Amino acid sequence: MNIDVKVLTKVINNWDPIALLEGGAPVDEYSIEIREIAEQCSLCKSETDLAKLIYTVFNDKMGVKLNHLACLNQAFKITEQVK
């Protein structure tokens, strides 16, 4: 699945998974993670794959373990925006 960086940015920033934006961080705070997700999302065949990718990227880049169901919810939001 191919997902535009703008769509990813909108969904991830609205989600603000670790409340950095809410705390006053710059709007591009998640840009590294978003870019990596965009680069690797072509390997995803389903929302479950995308959720795993989101979880893995945030874990690898920021050392945070996000809620798996929250990642899946965001994956569905992302794919709804792409359709």
C-alpha atoms as a PDB file:
ATOM      1  CA  MET A   1       0.000   0.000   0.000  1.00  0.00           C
ATOM      2  CA  ASN A   2       1.262   3.455  -0.887  1.00  0.00           C
ATOM      3  CA  ILE A   3       0.415   6.265   1.480  1.00  0.00           C
ATOM      4  CA  ASP A   4       1.096   9.944   0.950  1.00  0.00           C
ATOM      5  CA  VAL A   5       3.284  11.640   3.552  1.00  0.00           C
ATOM      6  CA  LYS A   6       0.643  14.369   3.953  1.00  0.00           C
ATOM      7  CA  VAL A   7      -1.973  11.798   4.956  1.00  0.00           C
ATOM      8  CA  LEU A   8       0.413  10.150   7.399  1.00  0.00           C
ATOM      9  CA  THR A   9       1.380  13.513   8.857  1.00  0.00           C
ATOM     10  CA  LYS A  10      -2.239  14.525   9.376  1.00  0.00           C
ATOM     11  CA  VAL A  11      -3.242  11.282  11.080  1.00  0.00           C
ATOM     12  CA  ILE A  12      -0.107  10.882  13.219  1.00  0.00           C
ATOM     13  CA  ASN A  13      -0.117  14.523  14.325  1.00  0.00           C
ATOM     14  CA  ASN A  14      -3.832  14.399  15.189  1.00  0.00           C
ATOM     15  CA  TRP A  15      -3.176  11.230  17.179  1.00  0.00           C
ATOM     16  CA  ASP A  16      -0.048  12.670  18.854  1.00  0.00           C
ATOM     17  CA  PRO A  17       0.879   9.206  20.189  1.00  0.00           C
ATOM     18  CA  ILE A  18       3.143  10.382  22.993  1.00  0.00           C
ATOM     19  CA  ALA A  19       1.594  13.831  23.539  1.00  0.00           C
ATOM     20  CA  LEU A  20       4.636  15.768  22.382  1.00  0.00           C
ATOM     21  CA  LEU A  21       2.639  18.199  20.254  1.00  0.00           C
ATOM     22  CA  GLU A  22       0.198  18.739  23.093  1.00  0.00           C
ATOM     23  CA  GLY A  23       3.192  19.627  25.246  1.00  0.00           C
ATOM     24  CA  GLY A  24       4.366  22.305  22.822  1.00  0.00           C
ATOM     25  CA  ALA A  25       6.724  20.385  20.523  1.00  0.00           C
ATOM     26  CA  PRO A  26       7.074  21.656  16.943  1.00  0.00           C
ATOM     27  CA  VAL A  27       4.572  20.344  14.386  1.00  0.00           C
ATOM     28  CA  ASP A  28       7.322  18.380  12.628  1.00  0.00           C
ATOM     29  CA  GLU A  29       8.213  16.442  15.788  1.00  0.00           C
ATOM     30  CA  TYR A  30       7.181  13.097  14.274  1.00  0.00           C
ATOM     31  CA  SER A  31       8.607  13.778  10.789  1.00  0.00           C
ATOM     32  CA  ILE A  32      11.379  11.168  11.056  1.00  0.00           C
ATOM     33  CA  GLU A  33       8.914   8.447  12.068  1.00  0.00           C
ATOM     34  CA  ILE A  34       6.377   9.551   9.443  1.00  0.00           C
ATOM     35  CA  ARG A  35       8.993   9.504   6.700  1.00  0.00           C
ATOM     36  CA  GLU A  36      10.120   5.995   7.661  1.00  0.00           C
ATOM     37  CA  ILE A  37       6.544   4.715   7.742  1.00  0.00           C
ATOM     38  CA  ALA A  38       5.941   6.258   4.302  1.00  0.00           C
ATOM     39  CA  GLU A  39       9.080   4.609   2.921  1.00  0.00           C
ATOM     40  CA  GLN A  40       8.180   1.156   4.243  1.00  0.00           C
ATOM     41  CA  CYS A  41       4.394   1.139   3.844  1.00  0.00           C
ATOM     42  CA  SER A  42       4.637  -0.316   0.341  1.00  0.00           C
ATOM     43  CA  LEU A  43       5.448  -3.625   2.072  1.00  0.00           C
ATOM     44  CA  CYS A  44       2.155  -3.523   3.993  1.00  0.00           C
ATOM     45  CA  LYS A  45      -0.682  -5.624   2.623  1.00  0.00           C
ATOM     46  CA  SER A  46      -3.273  -4.796   5.291  1.00  0.00           C
ATOM     47  CA  GLU A  47      -4.137  -2.458   8.141  1.00  0.00           C
ATOM     48  CA  THR A  48      -2.634  -5.021  10.517  1.00  0.00           C
ATOM     49  CA  ASP A  49       0.690  -4.833   8.688  1.00  0.00           C
ATOM     50  CA  LEU A  50       0.544  -1.029   8.792  1.00  0.00           C
ATOM     51  CA  ALA A  51      -0.227  -1.087  12.521  1.00  0.00           C
ATOM     52  CA  LYS A  52       2.785  -3.325  13.130  1.00  0.00           C
ATOM     53  CA  LEU A  53       4.946  -0.952  11.101  1.00  0.00           C
ATOM     54  CA  ILE A  54       3.735   2.074  13.092  1.00  0.00           C
ATOM     55  CA  TYR A  55       4.430   0.255  16.350  1.00  0.00           C
ATOM     56  CA  THR A  56       7.890  -0.875  15.226  1.00  0.00           C
ATOM     57  CA  VAL A  57       8.975   2.526  13.910  1.00  0.00           C
ATOM     58  CA  PHE A  58       7.980   4.350  17.089  1.00  0.00           C
ATOM     59  CA  ASN A  59       9.595   1.670  19.218  1.00  0.00           C
ATOM     60  CA  ASP A  60      12.833   1.722  17.218  1.00  0.00           C
ATOM     61  CA  LYS A  61      13.098   5.501  16.804  1.00  0.00           C
ATOM     62  CA  MET A  62      11.741   6.779  20.111  1.00  0.00           C
ATOM     63  CA  GLY A  63      11.948   3.763  22.389  1.00  0.00           C
ATOM     64  CA  VAL A  64       8.222   3.854  23.163  1.00  0.00           C
ATOM     65  CA  LYS A  65       5.902   0.894  23.201  1.00  0.00           C
ATOM     66  CA  LEU A  66       2.587   2.120  21.857  1.00  0.00           C
ATOM     67  CA  ASN A  67      -0.695   0.358  22.432  1.00  0.00           C
ATOM     68  CA  HIS A  68      -1.184  -2.173  19.630  1.00  0.00           C
ATOM     69  CA  LEU A  69      -4.914  -1.462  19.308  1.00  0.00           C
ATOM     70  CA  ALA A  70      -4.238   2.271  19.101  1.00  0.00           C
ATOM     71  CA  CYS A  71      -1.799   1.595  16.254  1.00  0.00           C
ATOM     72  CA  LEU A  72      -4.416  -0.518  14.487  1.00  0.00           C
ATOM     73  CA  ASN A  73      -7.012   2.228  14.932  1.00  0.00           C
ATOM     74  CA  GLN A  74      -4.645   4.737  13.346  1.00  0.00           C
ATOM     75  CA  ALA A  75      -3.856   2.317  10.513  1.00  0.00           C
ATOM     76  CA  PHE A  76      -7.577   2.189   9.681  1.00  0.00           C
ATOM     77  CA  LYS A  77      -7.790   5.995   9.813  1.00  0.00           C
ATOM     78  CA  ILE A  78      -4.843   6.229   7.426  1.00  0.00           C
ATOM     79  CA  THR A  79      -6.274   3.757   4.921  1.00  0.00           C
ATOM     80  CA  GLU A  80      -9.681   5.484   5.034  1.00  0.00           C
ATOM     81  CA  GLN A  81      -7.974   8.727   3.976  1.00  0.00           C
ATOM     82  CA  VAL A  82      -6.243   6.951   1.081  1.00  0.00           C
ATOM     83  CA  LYS A  83      -9.366   5.357  -0.416  1.00  0.00           C
END
